[in-house]
Amino acid sequence: MEGDNGSHVANAGLGDALQPDAAAAIAELRQRGWQVEILSGDHPVVVAAVGRQLGVAPESCHGGVSPEGKLAYVEQAAARGPVVMVGDGVNGAAALAAATTGVAVHGGAEASLAAADVYMTEAGVRGVVRLIAGARRTVLVIRRNLVVSLVYNAAGVALAMAGLLNPLVAAILMPASSLTVISLSYRSRTFGA
């Protein structure tokens, strides 16, 4: 804005501030082996600048991407392996639905909330890291429980085939197997304390 004498009086700028935890969260995701990409409808120059601030390589920053482009990109990536898509807008809703896991962030548009598998109830990106870590721990608990259950049942079958396990005792031990797995699951809190 210029004043009466042609001097510069004011500047105005519009933009969204990055979440304070974004750079640390992205660094932790990469450390855990995740490939982080930015897909945005914003101008490529803006997306590249954001990528630099977050430590994302320029070749992983894609600006000027249409909703159809986001969907196509996610579908191609999902053909190679699991994809977690994080978004908050209407333009990313189809891509959220196509991802292995779609995550709508706090304050997102209604369309993104409807399309996503998970909704983050708190602001920031750190919740995505906790979500992925919790999901990984959950899978480990499920695998451990399957192994415990298989070993327990295989031992029972072997003892029964050898004639060392009475059918009445086996009937009593069967619910004990289920209780053991339930107890192990309850002890292993995978999300939060």
N, C-alpha and C. Protein backbone atom coordinates (compact mmCIF):
# COMPACT_ATOMS: atom_id res chain seq x y z
N MET A 1 0.85 -1.16 0.00
CA MET A 1 0.00 0.00 0.00
C MET A 1 0.90 1.23 0.00
N GLU A 2 0.51 2.22 -0.78
CA GLU A 2 1.31 3.44 -0.87
C GLU A 2 0.54 4.61 -0.28
N GLY A 3 1.29 5.49 0.35
CA GLY A 3 0.70 6.70 0.92
C GLY A 3 0.55 7.79 -0.13
N ASP A 4 0.11 8.96 0.30
CA ASP A 4 -0.13 10.09 -0.61
C ASP A 4 1.14 10.53 -1.33
N ASN A 5 2.27 10.44 -0.69
CA ASN A 5 3.52 10.89 -1.30
C ASN A 5 4.26 9.76 -2.03
N GLY A 6 3.58 8.61 -2.22
CA GLY A 6 4.19 7.48 -2.93
C GLY A 6 5.06 6.61 -2.06
N SER A 7 5.10 6.89 -0.76
CA SER A 7 5.93 6.07 0.13
C SER A 7 5.19 4.78 0.50
N HIS A 8 5.96 3.78 0.83
CA HIS A 8 5.41 2.47 1.20
C HIS A 8 4.87 2.55 2.63
N VAL A 9 3.59 2.20 2.83
CA VAL A 9 2.96 2.33 4.14
C VAL A 9 2.74 0.98 4.80
N ALA A 10 2.30 -0.04 4.04
CA ALA A 10 1.97 -1.31 4.67
C ALA A 10 2.11 -2.46 3.68
N ASN A 11 2.30 -3.64 4.22
CA ASN A 11 2.30 -4.90 3.46
C ASN A 11 1.23 -5.79 4.05
N ALA A 12 0.68 -6.66 3.25
CA ALA A 12 -0.29 -7.65 3.73
C ALA A 12 0.11 -8.99 3.14
N GLY A 13 -0.01 -10.00 3.94
CA GLY A 13 0.30 -11.35 3.48
C GLY A 13 -0.74 -12.32 3.99
N LEU A 14 -1.06 -13.30 3.20
CA LEU A 14 -2.02 -14.33 3.59
C LEU A 14 -1.33 -15.68 3.54
N GLY A 15 -1.70 -16.54 4.44
CA GLY A 15 -1.12 -17.88 4.42
C GLY A 15 -1.47 -18.65 5.68
N ASP A 16 -1.23 -19.92 5.64
CA ASP A 16 -1.44 -20.78 6.79
C ASP A 16 -0.10 -21.02 7.45
N ALA A 17 -0.09 -20.95 8.76
CA ALA A 17 1.14 -21.26 9.50
C ALA A 17 1.29 -22.78 9.61
N LEU A 18 2.52 -23.25 9.55
CA LEU A 18 2.77 -24.68 9.75
C LEU A 18 2.51 -25.04 11.21
N GLN A 19 2.03 -26.25 11.42
CA GLN A 19 1.86 -26.72 12.78
C GLN A 19 3.24 -26.78 13.43
N PRO A 20 3.37 -26.35 14.69
CA PRO A 20 4.69 -26.32 15.33
C PRO A 20 5.36 -27.69 15.43
N ASP A 21 4.56 -28.74 15.48
CA ASP A 21 5.13 -30.09 15.64
C ASP A 21 5.35 -30.80 14.30
N ALA A 22 5.05 -30.15 13.19
CA ALA A 22 5.08 -30.82 11.89
C ALA A 22 6.47 -31.32 11.50
N ALA A 23 7.49 -30.49 11.61
CA ALA A 23 8.84 -30.90 11.19
C ALA A 23 9.34 -32.08 12.02
N ALA A 24 9.14 -32.03 13.32
CA ALA A 24 9.58 -33.13 14.19
C ALA A 24 8.80 -34.41 13.89
N ALA A 25 7.51 -34.28 13.65
CA ALA A 25 6.69 -35.46 13.36
C ALA A 25 7.11 -36.10 12.04
N ILE A 26 7.36 -35.29 11.03
CA ILE A 26 7.78 -35.82 9.73
C ILE A 26 9.16 -36.47 9.85
N ALA A 27 10.05 -35.87 10.61
CA ALA A 27 11.38 -36.47 10.82
C ALA A 27 11.24 -37.83 11.50
N GLU A 28 10.34 -37.93 12.47
CA GLU A 28 10.15 -39.21 13.17
C GLU A 28 9.53 -40.26 12.25
N LEU A 29 8.59 -39.85 11.42
CA LEU A 29 8.00 -40.79 10.47
C LEU A 29 9.06 -41.33 9.51
N ARG A 30 9.92 -40.46 9.00
CA ARG A 30 10.99 -40.91 8.11
C ARG A 30 11.96 -41.83 8.84
N GLN A 31 12.23 -41.52 10.10
CA GLN A 31 13.12 -42.37 10.90
C GLN A 31 12.51 -43.77 11.07
N ARG A 32 11.19 -43.84 11.13
CA ARG A 32 10.51 -45.13 11.27
C ARG A 32 10.36 -45.86 9.94
N GLY A 33 10.89 -45.25 8.87
CA GLY A 33 10.89 -45.93 7.58
C GLY A 33 9.79 -45.50 6.62
N TRP A 34 9.03 -44.49 6.95
CA TRP A 34 7.95 -44.03 6.08
C TRP A 34 8.50 -43.02 5.08
N GLN A 35 7.99 -43.08 3.87
CA GLN A 35 8.32 -42.09 2.84
C GLN A 35 7.25 -41.01 2.92
N VAL A 36 7.67 -39.77 3.11
CA VAL A 36 6.74 -38.66 3.27
C VAL A 36 6.69 -37.85 1.98
N GLU A 37 5.48 -37.63 1.48
CA GLU A 37 5.26 -36.84 0.26
C GLU A 37 4.25 -35.75 0.59
N ILE A 38 4.35 -34.64 -0.08
CA ILE A 38 3.36 -33.56 0.06
C ILE A 38 2.61 -33.45 -1.26
N LEU A 39 1.28 -33.59 -1.19
CA LEU A 39 0.40 -33.40 -2.34
C LEU A 39 -0.48 -32.20 -2.01
N SER A 40 -0.45 -31.19 -2.84
CA SER A 40 -1.22 -29.99 -2.53
C SER A 40 -1.73 -29.34 -3.81
N GLY A 41 -2.85 -28.70 -3.69
CA GLY A 41 -3.37 -27.91 -4.79
C GLY A 41 -2.73 -26.54 -4.86
N ASP A 42 -1.96 -26.19 -3.84
CA ASP A 42 -1.29 -24.88 -3.82
C ASP A 42 -0.21 -24.82 -4.91
N HIS A 43 0.22 -23.61 -5.20
CA HIS A 43 1.24 -23.39 -6.24
C HIS A 43 2.51 -24.18 -5.88
N PRO A 44 3.14 -24.79 -6.88
CA PRO A 44 4.35 -25.59 -6.63
C PRO A 44 5.46 -24.84 -5.89
N VAL A 45 5.59 -23.54 -6.11
CA VAL A 45 6.63 -22.76 -5.42
C VAL A 45 6.33 -22.72 -3.92
N VAL A 46 5.06 -22.55 -3.58
CA VAL A 46 4.65 -22.52 -2.17
C VAL A 46 4.88 -23.88 -1.53
N VAL A 47 4.51 -24.94 -2.24
CA VAL A 47 4.66 -26.30 -1.71
C VAL A 47 6.14 -26.63 -1.52
N ALA A 48 6.98 -26.21 -2.44
CA ALA A 48 8.42 -26.45 -2.30
C ALA A 48 8.98 -25.71 -1.09
N ALA A 49 8.50 -24.50 -0.85
CA ALA A 49 8.96 -23.73 0.33
C ALA A 49 8.53 -24.42 1.62
N VAL A 50 7.31 -24.91 1.64
CA VAL A 50 6.83 -25.64 2.83
C VAL A 50 7.66 -26.91 3.02
N GLY A 51 7.92 -27.61 1.92
CA GLY A 51 8.74 -28.82 1.99
C GLY A 51 10.11 -28.55 2.57
N ARG A 52 10.73 -27.43 2.16
CA ARG A 52 12.04 -27.07 2.72
C ARG A 52 11.95 -26.86 4.22
N GLN A 53 10.90 -26.18 4.67
CA GLN A 53 10.73 -25.93 6.11
C GLN A 53 10.53 -27.23 6.89
N LEU A 54 9.93 -28.22 6.24
CA LEU A 54 9.65 -29.49 6.91
C LEU A 54 10.74 -30.53 6.70
N GLY A 55 11.72 -30.22 5.87
CA GLY A 55 12.78 -31.18 5.61
C GLY A 55 12.37 -32.26 4.63
N VAL A 56 11.40 -31.97 3.76
CA VAL A 56 10.95 -32.92 2.74
C VAL A 56 11.68 -32.60 1.44
N ALA A 57 12.22 -33.62 0.81
CA ALA A 57 12.99 -33.44 -0.43
C ALA A 57 12.13 -32.80 -1.51
N PRO A 58 12.72 -31.95 -2.35
CA PRO A 58 11.96 -31.28 -3.41
C PRO A 58 11.21 -32.23 -4.33
N GLU A 59 11.81 -33.38 -4.64
CA GLU A 59 11.13 -34.34 -5.53
C GLU A 59 9.93 -35.01 -4.86
N SER A 60 9.77 -34.83 -3.56
CA SER A 60 8.63 -35.38 -2.83
C SER A 60 7.57 -34.33 -2.55
N CYS A 61 7.74 -33.13 -3.10
CA CYS A 61 6.78 -32.04 -2.91
C CYS A 61 6.06 -31.79 -4.22
N HIS A 62 4.77 -32.05 -4.25
CA HIS A 62 3.98 -31.95 -5.47
C HIS A 62 2.91 -30.87 -5.29
N GLY A 63 3.07 -29.77 -5.99
CA GLY A 63 2.11 -28.67 -5.91
C GLY A 63 1.26 -28.60 -7.17
N GLY A 64 0.15 -27.86 -7.08
CA GLY A 64 -0.75 -27.71 -8.21
C GLY A 64 -1.47 -28.99 -8.58
N VAL A 65 -1.66 -29.88 -7.61
CA VAL A 65 -2.27 -31.18 -7.87
C VAL A 65 -3.79 -31.06 -7.70
N SER A 66 -4.51 -31.48 -8.70
CA SER A 66 -5.98 -31.45 -8.67
C SER A 66 -6.49 -32.59 -7.78
N PRO A 67 -7.77 -32.55 -7.40
CA PRO A 67 -8.34 -33.67 -6.63
C PRO A 67 -8.18 -35.02 -7.37
N GLU A 68 -8.37 -35.00 -8.68
CA GLU A 68 -8.20 -36.23 -9.47
C GLU A 68 -6.74 -36.66 -9.47
N GLY A 69 -5.83 -35.70 -9.52
CA GLY A 69 -4.41 -36.01 -9.47
C GLY A 69 -4.01 -36.63 -8.14
N LYS A 70 -4.56 -36.11 -7.04
CA LYS A 70 -4.29 -36.69 -5.72
C LYS A 70 -4.78 -38.12 -5.66
N LEU A 71 -5.99 -38.35 -6.17
CA LEU A 71 -6.55 -39.70 -6.17
C LEU A 71 -5.66 -40.64 -6.98
N ALA A 72 -5.26 -40.23 -8.16
CA ALA A 72 -4.41 -41.08 -9.01
C ALA A 72 -3.07 -41.37 -8.33
N TYR A 73 -2.49 -40.35 -7.71
CA TYR A 73 -1.20 -40.53 -7.04
C TYR A 73 -1.32 -41.55 -5.90
N VAL A 74 -2.37 -41.42 -5.09
CA VAL A 74 -2.58 -42.33 -3.95
C VAL A 74 -2.84 -43.75 -4.45
N GLU A 75 -3.63 -43.89 -5.51
CA GLU A 75 -3.92 -45.23 -6.04
C GLU A 75 -2.64 -45.89 -6.56
N GLN A 76 -1.78 -45.12 -7.24
CA GLN A 76 -0.51 -45.68 -7.73
C GLN A 76 0.38 -46.08 -6.56
N ALA A 77 0.46 -45.25 -5.54
CA ALA A 77 1.29 -45.56 -4.36
C ALA A 77 0.73 -46.76 -3.62
N ALA A 78 -0.60 -46.87 -3.52
CA ALA A 78 -1.22 -47.99 -2.81
C ALA A 78 -0.97 -49.32 -3.51
N ALA A 79 -0.74 -49.29 -4.82
CA ALA A 79 -0.43 -50.51 -5.55
C ALA A 79 0.95 -51.05 -5.16
N ARG A 80 1.83 -50.17 -4.62
CA ARG A 80 3.17 -50.58 -4.21
C ARG A 80 3.26 -50.95 -2.74
N GLY A 81 2.30 -50.52 -1.93
CA GLY A 81 2.34 -50.81 -0.50
C GLY A 81 1.36 -49.94 0.26
N PRO A 82 1.35 -50.06 1.58
CA PRO A 82 0.39 -49.29 2.38
C PRO A 82 0.61 -47.79 2.26
N VAL A 83 -0.48 -47.04 2.21
CA VAL A 83 -0.44 -45.59 2.10
C VAL A 83 -1.30 -44.99 3.19
N VAL A 84 -0.72 -44.06 3.94
CA VAL A 84 -1.47 -43.28 4.91
C VAL A 84 -1.59 -41.88 4.33
N MET A 85 -2.81 -41.47 4.06
CA MET A 85 -3.08 -40.13 3.50
C MET A 85 -3.65 -39.28 4.61
N VAL A 86 -3.06 -38.11 4.81
CA VAL A 86 -3.51 -37.17 5.84
C VAL A 86 -4.03 -35.94 5.12
N GLY A 87 -5.25 -35.52 5.44
CA GLY A 87 -5.80 -34.36 4.77
C GLY A 87 -6.90 -33.71 5.57
N ASP A 88 -7.28 -32.52 5.12
CA ASP A 88 -8.33 -31.79 5.84
C ASP A 88 -9.34 -31.11 4.93
N GLY A 89 -9.18 -31.26 3.63
CA GLY A 89 -10.04 -30.50 2.73
C GLY A 89 -10.91 -31.36 1.84
N VAL A 90 -11.80 -30.69 1.14
CA VAL A 90 -12.70 -31.34 0.20
C VAL A 90 -11.89 -31.92 -0.95
N ASN A 91 -10.84 -31.22 -1.39
CA ASN A 91 -10.05 -31.66 -2.53
C ASN A 91 -9.31 -32.97 -2.29
N GLY A 92 -9.08 -33.33 -1.06
CA GLY A 92 -8.37 -34.57 -0.76
C GLY A 92 -9.27 -35.72 -0.34
N ALA A 93 -10.59 -35.50 -0.35
CA ALA A 93 -11.52 -36.51 0.17
C ALA A 93 -11.43 -37.83 -0.61
N ALA A 94 -11.39 -37.77 -1.92
CA ALA A 94 -11.31 -39.01 -2.71
C ALA A 94 -10.00 -39.74 -2.44
N ALA A 95 -8.90 -39.00 -2.31
CA ALA A 95 -7.60 -39.61 -2.01
C ALA A 95 -7.60 -40.23 -0.61
N LEU A 96 -8.26 -39.57 0.34
CA LEU A 96 -8.37 -40.12 1.70
C LEU A 96 -9.09 -41.47 1.65
N ALA A 97 -10.16 -41.53 0.87
CA ALA A 97 -10.94 -42.77 0.77
C ALA A 97 -10.15 -43.87 0.06
N ALA A 98 -9.29 -43.50 -0.89
CA ALA A 98 -8.53 -44.49 -1.66
C ALA A 98 -7.30 -45.01 -0.92
N ALA A 99 -6.83 -44.27 0.07
CA ALA A 99 -5.61 -44.67 0.80
C ALA A 99 -5.89 -45.92 1.63
N THR A 100 -4.81 -46.62 1.97
CA THR A 100 -4.94 -47.76 2.87
C THR A 100 -5.58 -47.29 4.17
N THR A 101 -5.10 -46.17 4.67
CA THR A 101 -5.69 -45.52 5.85
C THR A 101 -5.76 -44.03 5.58
N GLY A 102 -6.96 -43.49 5.59
CA GLY A 102 -7.17 -42.06 5.44
C GLY A 102 -7.32 -41.42 6.80
N VAL A 103 -6.59 -40.33 7.03
CA VAL A 103 -6.61 -39.65 8.32
C VAL A 103 -7.06 -38.21 8.10
N ALA A 104 -8.22 -37.86 8.65
CA ALA A 104 -8.70 -36.48 8.59
C ALA A 104 -8.21 -35.76 9.83
N VAL A 105 -7.71 -34.56 9.64
CA VAL A 105 -7.15 -33.83 10.78
C VAL A 105 -8.18 -32.92 11.41
N HIS A 106 -7.88 -32.54 12.62
CA HIS A 106 -8.74 -31.67 13.43
C HIS A 106 -9.08 -30.40 12.66
N GLY A 107 -10.35 -30.06 12.62
CA GLY A 107 -10.78 -28.84 11.94
C GLY A 107 -10.96 -29.02 10.45
N GLY A 108 -10.95 -30.25 9.96
CA GLY A 108 -11.07 -30.50 8.53
C GLY A 108 -12.48 -30.32 8.02
N ALA A 109 -12.60 -30.28 6.71
CA ALA A 109 -13.89 -30.14 6.05
C ALA A 109 -14.72 -31.40 6.27
N GLU A 110 -16.02 -31.24 6.21
CA GLU A 110 -16.95 -32.35 6.43
C GLU A 110 -16.70 -33.51 5.47
N ALA A 111 -16.37 -33.19 4.22
CA ALA A 111 -16.12 -34.24 3.22
C ALA A 111 -14.90 -35.09 3.60
N SER A 112 -13.86 -34.46 4.13
CA SER A 112 -12.67 -35.22 4.52
C SER A 112 -12.98 -36.11 5.73
N LEU A 113 -13.81 -35.61 6.63
CA LEU A 113 -14.18 -36.41 7.80
C LEU A 113 -14.97 -37.64 7.39
N ALA A 114 -15.87 -37.47 6.41
CA ALA A 114 -16.68 -38.59 5.95
C ALA A 114 -15.86 -39.61 5.17
N ALA A 115 -14.84 -39.16 4.46
CA ALA A 115 -14.05 -40.06 3.61
C ALA A 115 -12.96 -40.80 4.38
N ALA A 116 -12.52 -40.27 5.51
CA ALA A 116 -11.37 -40.82 6.22
C ALA A 116 -11.75 -42.02 7.09
N ASP A 117 -10.74 -42.84 7.36
CA ASP A 117 -10.91 -43.97 8.27
C ASP A 117 -10.73 -43.54 9.71
N VAL A 118 -9.90 -42.51 9.92
CA VAL A 118 -9.54 -42.05 11.25
C VAL A 118 -9.71 -40.53 11.29
N TYR A 119 -10.17 -40.04 12.42
CA TYR A 119 -10.29 -38.59 12.61
C TYR A 119 -9.45 -38.20 13.81
N MET A 120 -8.52 -37.27 13.62
CA MET A 120 -7.69 -36.79 14.71
C MET A 120 -8.44 -35.70 15.46
N THR A 121 -8.62 -35.88 16.75
CA THR A 121 -9.40 -34.93 17.55
C THR A 121 -8.56 -33.80 18.11
N GLU A 122 -7.26 -33.83 17.88
CA GLU A 122 -6.40 -32.76 18.38
C GLU A 122 -5.65 -32.14 17.21
N ALA A 123 -5.31 -30.89 17.37
CA ALA A 123 -4.58 -30.19 16.32
C ALA A 123 -3.13 -30.68 16.29
N GLY A 124 -2.50 -30.55 15.16
CA GLY A 124 -1.10 -30.92 15.04
C GLY A 124 -0.90 -32.22 14.29
N VAL A 125 0.35 -32.50 13.98
CA VAL A 125 0.71 -33.67 13.19
C VAL A 125 1.22 -34.80 14.07
N ARG A 126 1.57 -34.49 15.29
CA ARG A 126 2.12 -35.50 16.21
C ARG A 126 1.17 -36.68 16.40
N GLY A 127 -0.13 -36.42 16.34
CA GLY A 127 -1.11 -37.49 16.49
C GLY A 127 -0.99 -38.56 15.43
N VAL A 128 -0.55 -38.19 14.24
CA VAL A 128 -0.37 -39.17 13.16
C VAL A 128 0.76 -40.14 13.53
N VAL A 129 1.82 -39.62 14.12
CA VAL A 129 2.93 -40.47 14.55
C VAL A 129 2.45 -41.44 15.63
N ARG A 130 1.68 -40.92 16.59
CA ARG A 130 1.14 -41.79 17.65
C ARG A 130 0.18 -42.84 17.08
N LEU A 131 -0.60 -42.44 16.09
CA LEU A 131 -1.53 -43.37 15.45
C LEU A 131 -0.78 -44.52 14.79
N ILE A 132 0.25 -44.21 14.03
CA ILE A 132 1.01 -45.24 13.33
C ILE A 132 1.75 -46.14 14.32
N ALA A 133 2.33 -45.54 15.36
CA ALA A 133 3.03 -46.34 16.39
C ALA A 133 2.05 -47.25 17.12
N GLY A 134 0.88 -46.71 17.45
CA GLY A 134 -0.13 -47.52 18.15
C GLY A 134 -0.65 -48.65 17.27
N ALA A 135 -0.84 -48.38 15.99
CA ALA A 135 -1.30 -49.43 15.08
C ALA A 135 -0.25 -50.53 14.95
N ARG A 136 1.02 -50.14 14.90
CA ARG A 136 2.10 -51.13 14.81
C ARG A 136 2.14 -52.00 16.08
N ARG A 137 1.98 -51.36 17.24
CA ARG A 137 1.95 -52.13 18.50
C ARG A 137 0.75 -53.06 18.54
N THR A 138 -0.39 -52.60 18.01
CA THR A 138 -1.59 -53.44 17.98
C THR A 138 -1.37 -54.69 17.15
N VAL A 139 -0.73 -54.54 15.99
CA VAL A 139 -0.44 -55.69 15.14
C VAL A 139 0.49 -56.67 15.87
N LEU A 140 1.48 -56.15 16.60
CA LEU A 140 2.38 -57.03 17.36
C LEU A 140 1.63 -57.80 18.43
N VAL A 141 0.68 -57.14 19.12
CA VAL A 141 -0.11 -57.81 20.14
C VAL A 141 -0.97 -58.90 19.51
N ILE A 142 -1.57 -58.62 18.36
CA ILE A 142 -2.40 -59.62 17.68
C ILE A 142 -1.55 -60.82 17.29
N ARG A 143 -0.37 -60.57 16.73
CA ARG A 143 0.51 -61.69 16.34
C ARG A 143 0.93 -62.51 17.55
N ARG A 144 1.29 -61.82 18.63
CA ARG A 144 1.68 -62.55 19.85
C ARG A 144 0.52 -63.40 20.35
N ASN A 145 -0.68 -62.85 20.36
CA ASN A 145 -1.84 -63.61 20.83
C ASN A 145 -2.13 -64.81 19.95
N LEU A 146 -1.93 -64.66 18.63
CA LEU A 146 -2.13 -65.81 17.74
C LEU A 146 -1.12 -66.91 18.05
N VAL A 147 0.13 -66.53 18.29
CA VAL A 147 1.16 -67.53 18.62
C VAL A 147 0.82 -68.23 19.94
N VAL A 148 0.45 -67.46 20.96
CA VAL A 148 0.09 -68.05 22.26
C VAL A 148 -1.08 -69.01 22.09
N SER A 149 -2.08 -68.58 21.35
CA SER A 149 -3.27 -69.41 21.14
C SER A 149 -2.93 -70.69 20.38
N LEU A 150 -2.11 -70.56 19.33
CA LEU A 150 -1.73 -71.74 18.55
C LEU A 150 -0.91 -72.73 19.39
N VAL A 151 0.03 -72.21 20.16
CA VAL A 151 0.86 -73.10 21.00
C VAL A 151 -0.01 -73.79 22.04
N TYR A 152 -0.89 -73.04 22.68
CA TYR A 152 -1.78 -73.57 23.71
C TYR A 152 -2.65 -74.68 23.13
N ASN A 153 -3.27 -74.41 21.97
CA ASN A 153 -4.16 -75.39 21.36
C ASN A 153 -3.40 -76.58 20.78
N ALA A 154 -2.22 -76.33 20.21
CA ALA A 154 -1.42 -77.45 19.68
C ALA A 154 -1.00 -78.38 20.80
N ALA A 155 -0.62 -77.81 21.95
CA ALA A 155 -0.25 -78.65 23.10
C ALA A 155 -1.46 -79.45 23.57
N GLY A 156 -2.62 -78.81 23.60
CA GLY A 156 -3.83 -79.52 24.02
C GLY A 156 -4.19 -80.65 23.07
N VAL A 157 -4.09 -80.41 21.77
CA VAL A 157 -4.40 -81.45 20.78
C VAL A 157 -3.40 -82.60 20.90
N ALA A 158 -2.12 -82.28 21.05
CA ALA A 158 -1.10 -83.33 21.16
C ALA A 158 -1.34 -84.18 22.42
N LEU A 159 -1.66 -83.52 23.54
CA LEU A 159 -1.92 -84.27 24.77
C LEU A 159 -3.18 -85.12 24.63
N ALA A 160 -4.21 -84.59 23.97
CA ALA A 160 -5.45 -85.36 23.77
C ALA A 160 -5.21 -86.55 22.85
N MET A 161 -4.43 -86.36 21.78
CA MET A 161 -4.14 -87.47 20.85
C MET A 161 -3.31 -88.55 21.54
N ALA A 162 -2.47 -88.16 22.50
CA ALA A 162 -1.65 -89.13 23.22
C ALA A 162 -2.44 -89.80 24.34
N GLY A 163 -3.65 -89.36 24.54
CA GLY A 163 -4.50 -89.94 25.59
C GLY A 163 -4.17 -89.41 26.98
N LEU A 164 -3.44 -88.32 27.06
CA LEU A 164 -3.02 -87.76 28.34
C LEU A 164 -3.94 -86.64 28.83
N LEU A 165 -4.93 -86.28 28.02
CA LEU A 165 -5.82 -85.18 28.39
C LEU A 165 -7.26 -85.66 28.35
N ASN A 166 -7.86 -85.64 29.49
CA ASN A 166 -9.25 -86.04 29.64
C ASN A 166 -10.15 -85.01 28.93
N PRO A 167 -11.21 -85.43 28.23
CA PRO A 167 -12.10 -84.48 27.55
C PRO A 167 -12.71 -83.44 28.50
N LEU A 168 -13.01 -83.84 29.73
CA LEU A 168 -13.57 -82.89 30.70
C LEU A 168 -12.53 -81.82 31.05
N VAL A 169 -11.28 -82.21 31.23
CA VAL A 169 -10.21 -81.25 31.52
C VAL A 169 -10.00 -80.34 30.30
N ALA A 170 -10.07 -80.91 29.09
CA ALA A 170 -9.92 -80.12 27.87
C ALA A 170 -11.04 -79.08 27.77
N ALA A 171 -12.26 -79.47 28.14
CA ALA A 171 -13.39 -78.54 28.10
C ALA A 171 -13.19 -77.40 29.09
N ILE A 172 -12.54 -77.68 30.20
CA ILE A 172 -12.27 -76.63 31.20
C ILE A 172 -11.11 -75.73 30.74
N LEU A 173 -10.10 -76.33 30.09
CA LEU A 173 -8.94 -75.57 29.66
C LEU A 173 -9.22 -74.66 28.45
N MET A 174 -10.24 -75.02 27.65
CA MET A 174 -10.52 -74.21 26.46
C MET A 174 -10.88 -72.77 26.81
N PRO A 175 -11.79 -72.51 27.76
CA PRO A 175 -12.06 -71.12 28.12
C PRO A 175 -10.82 -70.44 28.75
N ALA A 176 -9.96 -71.23 29.39
CA ALA A 176 -8.74 -70.67 29.97
C ALA A 176 -7.84 -70.12 28.86
N SER A 177 -7.84 -70.76 27.69
CA SER A 177 -7.08 -70.27 26.55
C SER A 177 -7.58 -68.88 26.14
N SER A 178 -8.89 -68.76 26.04
CA SER A 178 -9.47 -67.46 25.66
C SER A 178 -9.18 -66.40 26.71
N LEU A 179 -9.27 -66.76 27.98
CA LEU A 179 -9.00 -65.81 29.06
C LEU A 179 -7.54 -65.37 29.05
N THR A 180 -6.65 -66.30 28.72
CA THR A 180 -5.22 -65.96 28.64
C THR A 180 -4.99 -64.91 27.55
N VAL A 181 -5.58 -65.12 26.38
CA VAL A 181 -5.40 -64.18 25.27
C VAL A 181 -6.03 -62.83 25.62
N ILE A 182 -7.20 -62.84 26.23
CA ILE A 182 -7.86 -61.60 26.63
C ILE A 182 -7.02 -60.86 27.66
N SER A 183 -6.46 -61.59 28.62
CA SER A 183 -5.62 -60.96 29.64
C SER A 183 -4.37 -60.35 29.04
N LEU A 184 -3.74 -61.05 28.10
CA LEU A 184 -2.56 -60.52 27.43
C LEU A 184 -2.90 -59.25 26.65
N SER A 185 -4.06 -59.24 26.00
CA SER A 185 -4.50 -58.07 25.24
C SER A 185 -4.77 -56.89 26.16
N TYR A 186 -5.41 -57.17 27.27
CA TYR A 186 -5.77 -56.09 28.21
C TYR A 186 -4.52 -55.46 28.80
N ARG A 187 -3.52 -56.27 29.11
CA ARG A 187 -2.27 -55.78 29.68
C ARG A 187 -1.47 -54.95 28.70
N SER A 188 -1.61 -55.24 27.42
CA SER A 188 -0.81 -54.58 26.38
C SER A 188 -1.56 -53.40 25.81
N ARG A 189 -1.60 -52.31 26.53
CA ARG A 189 -2.26 -51.11 26.02
C ARG A 189 -1.46 -50.58 24.85
N THR A 190 -2.07 -50.49 23.69
CA THR A 190 -1.35 -50.08 22.49
C THR A 190 -1.50 -48.60 22.19
N PHE A 191 -2.56 -47.98 22.67
CA PHE A 191 -2.78 -46.54 22.46
C PHE A 191 -2.89 -45.86 23.81
N GLY A 192 -1.98 -44.98 24.10
CA GLY A 192 -2.03 -44.22 25.34
C GLY A 192 -1.65 -45.04 26.55
N ALA A 193 -1.84 -44.42 27.71
CA ALA A 193 -1.46 -45.07 28.96
C ALA A 193 -2.61 -45.88 29.50
